[in-house]
PDB file of N, CA and C in Angstrom:
ATOM      1  N   MET A   1       0.845  -1.182   0.000  1.00  0.00           N
ATOM      2  CA  MET A   1      -0.002  -0.001   0.000  1.00  0.00           C
ATOM      3  C   MET A   1       0.892   1.248   0.000  1.00  0.00           C
ATOM      4  N   ALA A   2       0.589   2.212  -0.844  1.00  0.00           N
ATOM      5  CA  ALA A   2       1.375   3.433  -0.960  1.00  0.00           C
ATOM      6  C   ALA A   2       1.135   4.356   0.222  1.00  0.00           C
ATOM      7  N   ALA A   3       2.129   5.197   0.490  1.00  0.00           N
ATOM      8  CA  ALA A   3       1.997   6.165   1.584  1.00  0.00           C
ATOM      9  C   ALA A   3       0.942   7.210   1.240  1.00  0.00           C
ATOM     10  N   ASP A   4       0.211   7.642   2.210  1.00  0.00           N
ATOM     11  CA  ASP A   4      -0.826   8.660   2.077  1.00  0.00           C
ATOM     12  C   ASP A   4      -0.138  10.025   2.104  1.00  0.00           C
ATOM     13  N   ARG A   5       0.019  10.633   0.944  1.00  0.00           N
ATOM     14  CA  ARG A   5       0.762  11.897   0.847  1.00  0.00           C
ATOM     15  C   ARG A   5       0.112  13.022   1.645  1.00  0.00           C
ATOM     16  N   ALA A   6      -1.198  13.106   1.608  1.00  0.00           N
ATOM     17  CA  ALA A   6      -1.893  14.155   2.364  1.00  0.00           C
ATOM     18  C   ALA A   6      -1.632  13.984   3.861  1.00  0.00           C
ATOM     19  N   ALA A   7      -1.626  12.750   4.330  1.00  0.00           N
ATOM     20  CA  ALA A   7      -1.363  12.492   5.750  1.00  0.00           C
ATOM     21  C   ALA A   7       0.092  12.798   6.094  1.00  0.00           C
ATOM     22  N   LEU A   8       0.997  12.550   5.159  1.00  0.00           N
ATOM     23  CA  LEU A   8       2.398  12.887   5.398  1.00  0.00           C
ATOM     24  C   LEU A   8       2.564  14.398   5.584  1.00  0.00           C
ATOM     25  N   VAL A   9       1.906  15.166   4.737  1.00  0.00           N
ATOM     26  CA  VAL A   9       2.004  16.629   4.825  1.00  0.00           C
ATOM     27  C   VAL A   9       1.334  17.128   6.109  1.00  0.00           C
ATOM     28  N   ALA A  10       0.087  16.717   6.335  1.00  0.00           N
ATOM     29  CA  ALA A  10      -0.649  17.186   7.517  1.00  0.00           C
ATOM     30  C   ALA A  10       0.038  16.738   8.804  1.00  0.00           C
ATOM     31  N   GLY A  11       0.474  15.487   8.838  1.00  0.00           N
ATOM     32  CA  GLY A  11       1.154  14.984  10.024  1.00  0.00           C
ATOM     33  C   GLY A  11       2.475  15.687  10.262  1.00  0.00           C
ATOM     34  N   GLY A  12       3.206  15.949   9.192  1.00  0.00           N
ATOM     35  CA  GLY A  12       4.475  16.656   9.326  1.00  0.00           C
ATOM     36  C   GLY A  12       4.303  18.068   9.852  1.00  0.00           C
ATOM     37  N   ILE A  13       3.285  18.758   9.360  1.00  0.00           N
ATOM     38  CA  ILE A  13       3.019  20.120   9.830  1.00  0.00           C
ATOM     39  C   ILE A  13       2.626  20.115  11.303  1.00  0.00           C
ATOM     40  N   ARG A  14       1.732  19.192  11.699  1.00  0.00           N
ATOM     41  CA  ARG A  14       1.296  19.141  13.096  1.00  0.00           C
ATOM     42  C   ARG A  14       2.444  18.711  14.007  1.00  0.00           C
ATOM     43  N   LEU A  15       3.251  17.754  13.568  1.00  0.00           N
ATOM     44  CA  LEU A  15       4.401  17.328  14.372  1.00  0.00           C
ATOM     45  C   LEU A  15       5.371  18.486  14.553  1.00  0.00           C
ATOM     46  N   ALA A  16       5.688  19.200  13.472  1.00  0.00           N
ATOM     47  CA  ALA A  16       6.608  20.336  13.564  1.00  0.00           C
ATOM     48  C   ALA A  16       6.060  21.429  14.476  1.00  0.00           C
ATOM     49  N   SER A  17       4.773  21.700  14.371  1.00  0.00           N
ATOM     50  CA  SER A  17       4.159  22.696  15.236  1.00  0.00           C
ATOM     51  C   SER A  17       4.253  22.262  16.700  1.00  0.00           C
ATOM     52  N   GLY A  18       3.953  20.998  16.960  1.00  0.00           N
ATOM     53  CA  GLY A  18       4.036  20.493  18.325  1.00  0.00           C
ATOM     54  C   GLY A  18       5.441  20.578  18.888  1.00  0.00           C
ATOM     55  N   ILE A  19       6.426  20.207  18.082  1.00  0.00           N
ATOM     56  CA  ILE A  19       7.822  20.280  18.533  1.00  0.00           C
ATOM     57  C   ILE A  19       8.219  21.720  18.814  1.00  0.00           C
ATOM     58  N   SER A  20       7.748  22.651  17.971  1.00  0.00           N
ATOM     59  CA  SER A  20       8.099  24.056  18.198  1.00  0.00           C
ATOM     60  C   SER A  20       7.541  24.550  19.535  1.00  0.00           C
ATOM     61  N   PHE A  21       6.356  24.101  19.921  1.00  0.00           N
ATOM     62  CA  PHE A  21       5.791  24.495  21.211  1.00  0.00           C
ATOM     63  C   PHE A  21       6.527  23.841  22.380  1.00  0.00           C
ATOM     64  N   LEU A  22       7.149  22.701  22.134  1.00  0.00           N
ATOM     65  CA  LEU A  22       7.920  22.050  23.196  1.00  0.00           C
ATOM     66  C   LEU A  22       9.305  22.660  23.340  1.00  0.00           C
ATOM     67  N   VAL A  23       9.943  22.975  22.222  1.00  0.00           N
ATOM     68  CA  VAL A  23      11.305  23.496  22.242  1.00  0.00           C
ATOM     69  C   VAL A  23      11.341  24.950  22.709  1.00  0.00           C
ATOM     70  N   ASP A  24      10.467  25.776  22.146  1.00  0.00           N
ATOM     71  CA  ASP A  24      10.453  27.200  22.489  1.00  0.00           C
ATOM     72  C   ASP A  24       9.009  27.715  22.483  1.00  0.00           C
ATOM     73  N   PRO A  25       8.273  27.443  23.557  1.00  0.00           N
ATOM     74  CA  PRO A  25       6.857  27.814  23.577  1.00  0.00           C
ATOM     75  C   PRO A  25       6.609  29.314  23.420  1.00  0.00           C
ATOM     76  N   LEU A  26       7.510  30.150  23.895  1.00  0.00           N
ATOM     77  CA  LEU A  26       7.295  31.590  23.781  1.00  0.00           C
ATOM     78  C   LEU A  26       7.397  32.047  22.328  1.00  0.00           C
ATOM     79  N   ARG A  27       8.396  31.547  21.617  1.00  0.00           N
ATOM     80  CA  ARG A  27       8.542  31.907  20.200  1.00  0.00           C
ATOM     81  C   ARG A  27       7.377  31.342  19.389  1.00  0.00           C
ATOM     82  N   ALA A  28       7.003  30.110  19.654  1.00  0.00           N
ATOM     83  CA  ALA A  28       5.876  29.519  18.934  1.00  0.00           C
ATOM     84  C   ALA A  28       4.592  30.300  19.194  1.00  0.00           C
ATOM     85  N   ASN A  29       4.413  30.733  20.412  1.00  0.00           N
ATOM     86  CA  ASN A  29       3.226  31.515  20.758  1.00  0.00           C
ATOM     87  C   ASN A  29       3.208  32.835  19.982  1.00  0.00           C
ATOM     88  N   ARG A  30       4.372  33.439  19.813  1.00  0.00           N
ATOM     89  CA  ARG A  30       4.452  34.681  19.022  1.00  0.00           C
ATOM     90  C   ARG A  30       4.096  34.414  17.561  1.00  0.00           C
ATOM     91  N   LEU A  31       4.550  33.274  17.027  1.00  0.00           N
ATOM     92  CA  LEU A  31       4.217  32.935  15.639  1.00  0.00           C
ATOM     93  C   LEU A  31       2.707  32.787  15.436  1.00  0.00           C
ATOM     94  N   TRP A  32       1.992  32.387  16.491  1.00  0.00           N
ATOM     95  CA  TRP A  32       0.541  32.214  16.409  1.00  0.00           C
ATOM     96  C   TRP A  32      -0.198  33.493  16.773  1.00  0.00           C
ATOM     97  N   GLY A  33       0.511  34.633  16.815  1.00  0.00           N
ATOM     98  CA  GLY A  33      -0.174  35.917  16.915  1.00  0.00           C
ATOM     99  C   GLY A  33      -0.166  36.601  18.253  1.00  0.00           C
ATOM    100  N   ASP A  34       0.530  36.074  19.259  1.00  0.00           N
ATOM    101  CA  ASP A  34       0.529  36.709  20.578  1.00  0.00           C
ATOM    102  C   ASP A  34       1.915  37.288  20.864  1.00  0.00           C
ATOM    103  N   PRO A  35       2.054  38.619  20.802  1.00  0.00           N
ATOM    104  CA  PRO A  35       3.370  39.221  21.020  1.00  0.00           C
ATOM    105  C   PRO A  35       3.773  39.300  22.500  1.00  0.00           C
ATOM    106  N   ASP A  36       2.823  39.129  23.427  1.00  0.00           N
ATOM    107  CA  ASP A  36       3.111  39.257  24.856  1.00  0.00           C
ATOM    108  C   ASP A  36       3.662  37.964  25.439  1.00  0.00           C
ATOM    109  N   GLU A  37       4.396  38.115  26.531  1.00  0.00           N
ATOM    110  CA  GLU A  37       4.889  36.941  27.240  1.00  0.00           C
ATOM    111  C   GLU A  37       3.746  36.383  28.097  1.00  0.00           C
ATOM    112  N   PRO A  38       3.405  35.103  27.908  1.00  0.00           N
ATOM    113  CA  PRO A  38       2.289  34.530  28.653  1.00  0.00           C
ATOM    114  C   PRO A  38       2.658  34.237  30.110  1.00  0.00           C
ATOM    115  N   PRO A  39       1.655  34.228  30.986  1.00  0.00           N
ATOM    116  CA  PRO A  39       1.909  33.869  32.390  1.00  0.00           C
ATOM    117  C   PRO A  39       2.254  32.376  32.504  1.00  0.00           C
ATOM    118  N   PRO A  40       2.768  31.952  33.656  1.00  0.00           N
ATOM    119  CA  PRO A  40       3.189  30.555  33.822  1.00  0.00           C
ATOM    120  C   PRO A  40       2.100  29.520  33.507  1.00  0.00           C
ATOM    121  N   THR A  41       0.860  29.803  33.879  1.00  0.00           N
ATOM    122  CA  THR A  41      -0.195  28.823  33.586  1.00  0.00           C
ATOM    123  C   THR A  41      -0.414  28.683  32.089  1.00  0.00           C
ATOM    124  N   ALA A  42      -0.311  29.784  31.358  1.00  0.00           N
ATOM    125  CA  ALA A  42      -0.452  29.713  29.903  1.00  0.00           C
ATOM    126  C   ALA A  42       0.728  28.966  29.287  1.00  0.00           C
ATOM    127  N   ARG A  43       1.915  29.113  29.862  1.00  0.00           N
ATOM    128  CA  ARG A  43       3.083  28.367  29.366  1.00  0.00           C
ATOM    129  C   ARG A  43       2.863  26.866  29.514  1.00  0.00           C
ATOM    130  N   LEU A  44       2.263  26.481  30.615  1.00  0.00           N
ATOM    131  CA  LEU A  44       1.936  25.068  30.820  1.00  0.00           C
ATOM    132  C   LEU A  44       1.001  24.584  29.716  1.00  0.00           C
ATOM    133  N   LEU A  45       0.002  25.377  29.405  1.00  0.00           N
ATOM    134  CA  LEU A  45      -0.944  24.998  28.357  1.00  0.00           C
ATOM    135  C   LEU A  45      -0.281  24.971  26.982  1.00  0.00           C
ATOM    136  N   LEU A  46       0.651  25.879  26.734  1.00  0.00           N
ATOM    137  CA  LEU A  46       1.380  25.862  25.460  1.00  0.00           C
ATOM    138  C   LEU A  46       2.182  24.572  25.315  1.00  0.00           C
ATOM    139  N   ARG A  47       2.840  24.162  26.381  1.00  0.00           N
ATOM    140  CA  ARG A  47       3.597  22.892  26.324  1.00  0.00           C
ATOM    141  C   ARG A  47       2.647  21.703  26.174  1.00  0.00           C
ATOM    142  N   SER A  48       1.533  21.735  26.864  1.00  0.00           N
ATOM    143  CA  SER A  48       0.547  20.650  26.728  1.00  0.00           C
ATOM    144  C   SER A  48       0.061  20.559  25.287  1.00  0.00           C
ATOM    145  N   MET A  49      -0.190  21.707  24.681  1.00  0.00           N
ATOM    146  CA  MET A  49      -0.601  21.727  23.285  1.00  0.00           C
ATOM    147  C   MET A  49       0.519  21.169  22.399  1.00  0.00           C
ATOM    148  N   GLY A  50       1.747  21.466  22.751  1.00  0.00           N
ATOM    149  CA  GLY A  50       2.879  20.927  22.003  1.00  0.00           C
ATOM    150  C   GLY A  50       2.943  19.408  22.061  1.00  0.00           C
ATOM    151  N   TYR A  51       2.770  18.847  23.247  1.00  0.00           N
ATOM    152  CA  TYR A  51       2.754  17.381  23.374  1.00  0.00           C
ATOM    153  C   TYR A  51       1.621  16.773  22.558  1.00  0.00           C
ATOM    154  N   ARG A  52       0.442  17.389  22.668  1.00  0.00           N
ATOM    155  CA  ARG A  52      -0.723  16.889  21.938  1.00  0.00           C
ATOM    156  C   ARG A  52      -0.485  16.916  20.440  1.00  0.00           C
ATOM    157  N   ASP A  53      -0.008  18.049  19.933  1.00  0.00           N
ATOM    158  CA  ASP A  53       0.203  18.167  18.494  1.00  0.00           C
ATOM    159  C   ASP A  53       1.324  17.264  18.002  1.00  0.00           C
ATOM    160  N   ALA A  54       2.383  17.147  18.777  1.00  0.00           N
ATOM    161  CA  ALA A  54       3.476  16.253  18.385  1.00  0.00           C
ATOM    162  C   ALA A  54       2.990  14.799  18.344  1.00  0.00           C
ATOM    163  N   LEU A  55       2.199  14.409  19.300  1.00  0.00           N
ATOM    164  CA  LEU A  55       1.673  13.037  19.328  1.00  0.00           C
ATOM    165  C   LEU A  55       0.748  12.770  18.148  1.00  0.00           C
ATOM    166  N   ILE A  56      -0.219  13.657  17.928  1.00  0.00           N
ATOM    167  CA  ILE A  56      -1.164  13.446  16.826  1.00  0.00           C
ATOM    168  C   ILE A  56      -0.424  13.489  15.488  1.00  0.00           C
ATOM    169  N   GLY A  57       0.441  14.479  15.321  1.00  0.00           N
ATOM    170  CA  GLY A  57       1.197  14.575  14.078  1.00  0.00           C
ATOM    171  C   GLY A  57       2.085  13.374  13.848  1.00  0.00           C
ATOM    172  N   GLY A  58       2.752  12.919  14.894  1.00  0.00           N
ATOM    173  CA  GLY A  58       3.617  11.743  14.774  1.00  0.00           C
ATOM    174  C   GLY A  58       2.834  10.487  14.431  1.00  0.00           C
ATOM    175  N   MET A  59       1.680  10.313  15.036  1.00  0.00           N
ATOM    176  CA  MET A  59       0.865   9.127  14.741  1.00  0.00           C
ATOM    177  C   MET A  59       0.273   9.197  13.342  1.00  0.00           C
ATOM    178  N   LEU A  60      -0.093  10.377  12.893  1.00  0.00           N
ATOM    179  CA  LEU A  60      -0.592  10.551  11.526  1.00  0.00           C
ATOM    180  C   LEU A  60       0.514  10.238  10.519  1.00  0.00           C
ATOM    181  N   LEU A  61       1.713  10.731  10.795  1.00  0.00           N
ATOM    182  CA  LEU A  61       2.866  10.425   9.941  1.00  0.00           C
ATOM    183  C   LEU A  61       3.175   8.935   9.934  1.00  0.00           C
ATOM    184  N   ALA A  62       3.206   8.330  11.107  1.00  0.00           N
ATOM    185  CA  ALA A  62       3.526   6.904  11.209  1.00  0.00           C
ATOM    186  C   ALA A  62       2.513   6.050  10.452  1.00  0.00           C
ATOM    187  N   ALA A  63       1.235   6.365  10.602  1.00  0.00           N
ATOM    188  CA  ALA A  63       0.204   5.611   9.887  1.00  0.00           C
ATOM    189  C   ALA A  63       0.372   5.773   8.381  1.00  0.00           C
ATOM    190  N   ALA A  64       0.698   6.983   7.938  1.00  0.00           N
ATOM    191  CA  ALA A  64       0.893   7.225   6.501  1.00  0.00           C
ATOM    192  C   ALA A  64       2.092   6.446   5.976  1.00  0.00           C
ATOM    193  N   LEU A  65       3.184   6.460   6.713  1.00  0.00           N
ATOM    194  CA  LEU A  65       4.388   5.761   6.272  1.00  0.00           C
ATOM    195  C   LEU A  65       4.203   4.244   6.233  1.00  0.00           C
ATOM    196  N   ARG A  66       3.354   3.738   7.111  1.00  0.00           N
ATOM    197  CA  ARG A  66       3.087   2.292   7.152  1.00  0.00           C
ATOM    198  C   ARG A  66       2.005   1.875   6.156  1.00  0.00           C
ATOM    199  N   GLY A  67       1.403   2.844   5.490  1.00  0.00           N
ATOM    200  CA  GLY A  67       0.327   2.531   4.557  1.00  0.00           C
ATOM    201  C   GLY A  67      -0.967   2.150   5.248  1.00  0.00           C
ATOM    202  N   GLN A  68      -1.135   2.568   6.495  1.00  0.00           N
ATOM    203  CA  GLN A  68      -2.346   2.268   7.256  1.00  0.00           C
ATOM    204  C   GLN A  68      -3.414   3.331   7.007  1.00  0.00           C
ATOM    205  N   ASP A  69      -4.616   3.030   7.417  1.00  0.00           N
ATOM    206  CA  ASP A  69      -5.722   3.978   7.312  1.00  0.00           C
ATOM    207  C   ASP A  69      -5.426   5.174   8.217  1.00  0.00           C
ATOM    208  N   THR A  70      -5.425   6.362   7.652  1.00  0.00           N
ATOM    209  CA  THR A  70      -5.086   7.569   8.402  1.00  0.00           C
ATOM    210  C   THR A  70      -6.310   8.381   8.817  1.00  0.00           C
ATOM    211  N   ARG A  71      -7.500   7.922   8.440  1.00  0.00           N
ATOM    212  CA  ARG A  71      -8.689   8.733   8.677  1.00  0.00           C
ATOM    213  C   ARG A  71      -8.935   9.031  10.148  1.00  0.00           C
ATOM    214  N   GLY A  72      -8.680   8.096  11.024  1.00  0.00           N
ATOM    215  CA  GLY A  72      -8.884   8.339  12.454  1.00  0.00           C
ATOM    216  C   GLY A  72      -7.940   9.392  13.008  1.00  0.00           C
ATOM    217  N   TRP A  73      -6.708   9.411  12.508  1.00  0.00           N
ATOM    218  CA  TRP A  73      -5.758  10.427  12.972  1.00  0.00           C
ATOM    219  C   TRP A  73      -6.088  11.796  12.400  1.00  0.00           C
ATOM    220  N   PHE A  74      -6.642  11.834  11.173  1.00  0.00           N
ATOM    221  CA  PHE A  74      -7.134  13.109  10.651  1.00  0.00           C
ATOM    222  C   PHE A  74      -8.264  13.619  11.533  1.00  0.00           C
ATOM    223  N   LEU A  75      -9.148  12.725  11.949  1.00  0.00           N
ATOM    224  CA  LEU A  75     -10.258  13.130  12.813  1.00  0.00           C
ATOM    225  C   LEU A  75      -9.735  13.643  14.154  1.00  0.00           C
ATOM    226  N   ALA A  76      -8.744  12.977  14.718  1.00  0.00           N
ATOM    227  CA  ALA A  76      -8.146  13.446  15.972  1.00  0.00           C
ATOM    228  C   ALA A  76      -7.513  14.825  15.788  1.00  0.00           C
ATOM    229  N   SER A  77      -6.881  15.037  14.655  1.00  0.00           N
ATOM    230  CA  SER A  77      -6.263  16.324  14.360  1.00  0.00           C
ATOM    231  C   SER A  77      -7.322  17.419  14.272  1.00  0.00           C
ATOM    232  N   GLY A  78      -8.391  17.158  13.543  1.00  0.00           N
ATOM    233  CA  GLY A  78      -9.480  18.131  13.450  1.00  0.00           C
ATOM    234  C   GLY A  78     -10.139  18.373  14.794  1.00  0.00           C
ATOM    235  N   GLY A  79     -10.264  17.320  15.600  1.00  0.00           N
ATOM    236  CA  GLY A  79     -10.850  17.466  16.931  1.00  0.00           C
ATOM    237  C   GLY A  79      -9.992  18.334  17.838  1.00  0.00           C
ATOM    238  N   ALA A  80      -8.681  18.193  17.725  1.00  0.00           N
ATOM    239  CA  ALA A  80      -7.786  19.043  18.518  1.00  0.00           C
ATOM    240  C   ALA A  80      -7.972  20.508  18.135  1.00  0.00           C
ATOM    241  N   ASP A  81      -8.088  20.760  16.832  1.00  0.00           N
ATOM    242  CA  ASP A  81      -8.305  22.132  16.387  1.00  0.00           C
ATOM    243  C   ASP A  81      -9.687  22.642  16.786  1.00  0.00           C
ATOM    244  N   ALA A  82     -10.680  21.762  16.803  1.00  0.00           N
ATOM    245  CA  ALA A  82     -12.018  22.168  17.245  1.00  0.00           C
ATOM    246  C   ALA A  82     -11.994  22.578  18.712  1.00  0.00           C
ATOM    247  N   SER A  83     -11.237  21.865  19.531  1.00  0.00           N
ATOM    248  CA  SER A  83     -11.153  22.240  20.947  1.00  0.00           C
ATOM    249  C   SER A  83     -10.431  23.573  21.101  1.00  0.00           C
ATOM    250  N   ASP A  84      -9.409  23.813  20.266  1.00  0.00           N
ATOM    251  CA  ASP A  84      -8.718  25.106  20.306  1.00  0.00           C
ATOM    252  C   ASP A  84      -9.669  26.234  19.909  1.00  0.00           C
ATOM    253  N   LEU A  85     -10.463  26.009  18.869  1.00  0.00           N
ATOM    254  CA  LEU A  85     -11.410  27.028  18.421  1.00  0.00           C
ATOM    255  C   LEU A  85     -12.457  27.307  19.498  1.00  0.00           C
ATOM    256  N   LEU A  86     -12.995  26.260  20.088  1.00  0.00           N
ATOM    257  CA  LEU A  86     -14.000  26.437  21.135  1.00  0.00           C
ATOM    258  C   LEU A  86     -13.424  27.214  22.315  1.00  0.00           C
ATOM    259  N   GLY A  87     -12.227  26.865  22.726  1.00  0.00           N
ATOM    260  CA  GLY A  87     -11.587  27.597  23.818  1.00  0.00           C
ATOM    261  C   GLY A  87     -11.293  29.038  23.440  1.00  0.00           C
ATOM    262  N   GLY A  88     -10.879  29.246  22.193  1.00  0.00           N
ATOM    263  CA  GLY A  88     -10.586  30.594  21.733  1.00  0.00           C
ATOM    264  C   GLY A  88     -11.818  31.468  21.647  1.00  0.00           C
ATOM    265  N   LEU A  89     -12.934  30.876  21.279  1.00  0.00           N
ATOM    266  CA  LEU A  89     -14.167  31.665  21.174  1.00  0.00           C
ATOM    267  C   LEU A  89     -14.611  32.190  22.528  1.00  0.00           C
ATOM    268  N   SER A  90     -14.266  31.476  23.591  1.00  0.00           N
ATOM    269  CA  SER A  90     -14.681  31.918  24.926  1.00  0.00           C
ATOM    270  C   SER A  90     -13.924  33.172  25.375  1.00  0.00           C
ATOM    271  N   VAL A  91     -12.782  33.460  24.744  1.00  0.00           N
ATOM    272  CA  VAL A  91     -12.009  34.668  25.077  1.00  0.00           C
ATOM    273  C   VAL A  91     -11.839  35.564  23.850  1.00  0.00           C
ATOM    274  N   HIS A  92     -12.683  35.357  22.865  1.00  0.00           N
ATOM    275  CA  HIS A  92     -12.597  36.069  21.585  1.00  0.00           C
ATOM    276  C   HIS A  92     -12.509  37.582  21.758  1.00  0.00           C
ATOM    277  N   GLU A  93     -13.335  38.146  22.629  1.00  0.00           N
ATOM    278  CA  GLU A  93     -13.374  39.597  22.784  1.00  0.00           C
ATOM    279  C   GLU A  93     -12.099  40.160  23.402  1.00  0.00           C
ATOM    280  N   ARG A  94     -11.297  39.327  24.041  1.00  0.00           N
ATOM    281  CA  ARG A  94     -10.049  39.787  24.659  1.00  0.00           C
ATOM    282  C   ARG A  94      -8.818  39.523  23.788  1.00  0.00           C
ATOM    283  N   MET A  95      -9.028  38.952  22.618  1.00  0.00           N
ATOM    284  CA  MET A  95      -7.912  38.619  21.733  1.00  0.00           C
ATOM    285  C   MET A  95      -7.600  39.778  20.790  1.00  0.00           C
ATOM    286  N   ARG A  96      -6.315  39.902  20.482  1.00  0.00           N
ATOM    287  CA  ARG A  96      -5.893  40.866  19.471  1.00  0.00           C
ATOM    288  C   ARG A  96      -6.326  40.370  18.092  1.00  0.00           C
ATOM    289  N   ARG A  97      -6.337  41.277  17.146  1.00  0.00           N
ATOM    290  CA  ARG A  97      -6.701  40.913  15.774  1.00  0.00           C
ATOM    291  C   ARG A  97      -5.781  39.817  15.238  1.00  0.00           C
ATOM    292  N   SER A  98      -4.484  39.924  15.500  1.00  0.00           N
ATOM    293  CA  SER A  98      -3.535  38.925  15.009  1.00  0.00           C
ATOM    294  C   SER A  98      -3.827  37.544  15.603  1.00  0.00           C
ATOM    295  N   GLN A  99      -4.216  37.505  16.866  1.00  0.00           N
ATOM    296  CA  GLN A  99      -4.546  36.240  17.506  1.00  0.00           C
ATOM    297  C   GLN A  99      -5.802  35.627  16.897  1.00  0.00           C
ATOM    298  N   LYS A 100      -6.764  36.472  16.590  1.00  0.00           N
ATOM    299  CA  LYS A 100      -7.996  35.976  15.973  1.00  0.00           C
ATOM    300  C   LYS A 100      -7.722  35.426  14.584  1.00  0.00           C
ATOM    301  N   LEU A 101      -6.965  36.177  13.788  1.00  0.00           N
ATOM    302  CA  LEU A 101      -6.696  35.752  12.416  1.00  0.00           C
ATOM    303  C   LEU A 101      -5.831  34.493  12.367  1.00  0.00           C
ATOM    304  N   ILE A 102      -4.741  34.512  13.095  1.00  0.00           N
ATOM    305  CA  ILE A 102      -3.803  33.386  13.022  1.00  0.00           C
ATOM    306  C   ILE A 102      -4.268  32.209  13.870  1.00  0.00           C
ATOM    307  N   GLY A 103      -4.580  32.463  15.129  1.00  0.00           N
ATOM    308  CA  GLY A 103      -4.961  31.383  16.036  1.00  0.00           C
ATOM    309  C   GLY A 103      -6.298  30.752  15.698  1.00  0.00           C
ATOM    310  N   LEU A 104      -7.331  31.578  15.662  1.00  0.00           N
ATOM    311  CA  LEU A 104      -8.668  31.035  15.385  1.00  0.00           C
ATOM    312  C   LEU A 104      -8.817  30.660  13.910  1.00  0.00           C
ATOM    313  N   GLY A 105      -8.218  31.461  13.019  1.00  0.00           N
ATOM    314  CA  GLY A 105      -8.262  31.121  11.595  1.00  0.00           C
ATOM    315  C   GLY A 105      -7.539  29.816  11.312  1.00  0.00           C
ATOM    316  N   GLY A 106      -6.400  29.623  11.962  1.00  0.00           N
ATOM    317  CA  GLY A 106      -5.664  28.368  11.804  1.00  0.00           C
ATOM    318  C   GLY A 106      -6.460  27.175  12.307  1.00  0.00           C
ATOM    319  N   ALA A 107      -7.193  27.380  13.396  1.00  0.00           N
ATOM    320  CA  ALA A 107      -8.029  26.295  13.930  1.00  0.00           C
ATOM    321  C   ALA A 107      -9.133  25.928  12.940  1.00  0.00           C
ATOM    322  N   VAL A 108      -9.732  26.935  12.314  1.00  0.00           N
ATOM    323  CA  VAL A 108     -10.791  26.673  11.327  1.00  0.00           C
ATOM    324  C   VAL A 108     -10.225  25.877  10.147  1.00  0.00           C
ATOM    325  N   VAL A 109      -9.065  26.281   9.661  1.00  0.00           N
ATOM    326  CA  VAL A 109      -8.422  25.548   8.564  1.00  0.00           C
ATOM    327  C   VAL A 109      -8.109  24.123   9.002  1.00  0.00           C
ATOM    328  N   GLY A 110      -7.573  23.976  10.213  1.00  0.00           N
ATOM    329  CA  GLY A 110      -7.247  22.643  10.727  1.00  0.00           C
ATOM    330  C   GLY A 110      -8.458  21.739  10.861  1.00  0.00           C
ATOM    331  N   ILE A 111      -9.577  22.309  11.272  1.00  0.00           N
ATOM    332  CA  ILE A 111     -10.818  21.531  11.358  1.00  0.00           C
ATOM    333  C   ILE A 111     -11.219  21.055   9.972  1.00  0.00           C
ATOM    334  N   GLY A 112     -11.131  21.955   8.997  1.00  0.00           N
ATOM    335  CA  GLY A 112     -11.479  21.590   7.623  1.00  0.00           C
ATOM    336  C   GLY A 112     -10.597  20.480   7.082  1.00  0.00           C
ATOM    337  N   VAL A 113      -9.298  20.593   7.302  1.00  0.00           N
ATOM    338  CA  VAL A 113      -8.364  19.555   6.837  1.00  0.00           C
ATOM    339  C   VAL A 113      -8.657  18.234   7.547  1.00  0.00           C
ATOM    340  N   GLY A 114      -8.896  18.302   8.864  1.00  0.00           N
ATOM    341  CA  GLY A 114      -9.197  17.087   9.614  1.00  0.00           C
ATOM    342  C   GLY A 114     -10.451  16.390   9.123  1.00  0.00           C
ATOM    343  N   LEU A 115     -11.504  17.170   8.890  1.00  0.00           N
ATOM    344  CA  LEU A 115     -12.750  16.579   8.396  1.00  0.00           C
ATOM    345  C   LEU A 115     -12.591  16.032   6.980  1.00  0.00           C
ATOM    346  N   TRP A 116     -11.880  16.776   6.145  1.00  0.00           N
ATOM    347  CA  TRP A 116     -11.624  16.291   4.790  1.00  0.00           C
ATOM    348  C   TRP A 116     -10.870  14.961   4.835  1.00  0.00           C
ATOM    349  N   GLY A 117      -9.800  14.912   5.624  1.00  0.00           N
ATOM    350  CA  GLY A 117      -9.004  13.687   5.706  1.00  0.00           C
ATOM    351  C   GLY A 117      -9.762  12.525   6.308  1.00  0.00           C
ATOM    352  N   ALA A 118     -10.637  12.826   7.270  1.00  0.00           N
ATOM    353  CA  ALA A 118     -11.387  11.772   7.952  1.00  0.00           C
ATOM    354  C   ALA A 118     -12.509  11.202   7.099  1.00  0.00           C
ATOM    355  N   THR A 119     -12.981  11.975   6.138  1.00  0.00           N
ATOM    356  CA  THR A 119     -14.125  11.513   5.347  1.00  0.00           C
ATOM    357  C   THR A 119     -13.734  10.950   3.985  1.00  0.00           C
ATOM    358  N   ARG A 120     -12.443  10.881   3.702  1.00  0.00           N
ATOM    359  CA  ARG A 120     -12.014  10.284   2.430  1.00  0.00           C
ATOM    360  C   ARG A 120     -12.297   8.789   2.456  1.00  0.00           C
ATOM    361  N   SER A 121     -12.524   8.242   1.310  1.00  0.00           N
ATOM    362  CA  SER A 121     -12.705   6.788   1.253  1.00  0.00           C
ATOM    363  C   SER A 121     -11.353   6.127   1.457  1.00  0.00           C
ATOM    364  N   PRO A 122     -11.334   4.887   1.973  1.00  0.00           N
ATOM    365  CA  PRO A 122     -10.048   4.216   2.197  1.00  0.00           C
ATOM    366  C   PRO A 122      -9.191   4.133   0.934  1.00  0.00           C
ATOM    367  N   ARG A 123      -9.816   4.037  -0.224  1.00  0.00           N
ATOM    368  CA  ARG A 123      -9.055   3.938  -1.464  1.00  0.00           C
ATOM    369  C   ARG A 123      -8.372   5.253  -1.831  1.00  0.00           C
ATOM    370  N   THR A 124      -9.009   6.393  -1.549  1.00  0.00           N
ATOM    371  CA  THR A 124      -8.398   7.672  -1.885  1.00  0.00           C
ATOM    372  C   THR A 124      -7.439   8.132  -0.804  1.00  0.00           C
ATOM    373  N   ALA A 125      -7.453   7.482   0.330  1.00  0.00           N
ATOM    374  CA  ALA A 125      -6.582   7.865   1.439  1.00  0.00           C
ATOM    375  C   ALA A 125      -5.209   7.224   1.318  1.00  0.00           C
ATOM    376  N   THR A 126      -4.886   6.665   0.171  1.00  0.00           N
ATOM    377  CA  THR A 126      -3.565   6.057  -0.013  1.00  0.00           C
ATOM    378  C   THR A 126      -2.740   6.818  -1.014  1.00  0.00           C
TER     379      THR A 126
END
C-alpha cells in the first residue's frame, strides 16, 4: 500500500508545530499571533498543546508511512483544532486581531483539513 501523501504533509506540519511548542513555547506563541509573554499557567498549556500536536502529528505520519488507514488520525487532528477554536471563542473579545486571524483562523483551517481527511474513502486515502 502506498503512503498517504496528504497524511504525510498534515502529520508533518502538526508534528513540527508540536515540537516548536515544546522546544520554544514563547517563540511559537508569538508565531501564532501573541506578542506578549504569557503567564506561567499559559506556558503550561502551550507545552501541553505541544505534546498533543506532536503526538497526533507523529501518529498521523507513522500511519501514513506504514500505509495504514489515516482517517482516524485526521479526525483526531481536526478534533484538537475544534477544541482550540472552542476555547478561543470563549475569550474572543479579549484577543488581538492577530490572535484571531492566526490562532482562530488556523483552527478553522485545521478543522477543515481534519474533516476532509477523515471523510475520504479508504481507497483515496492512499
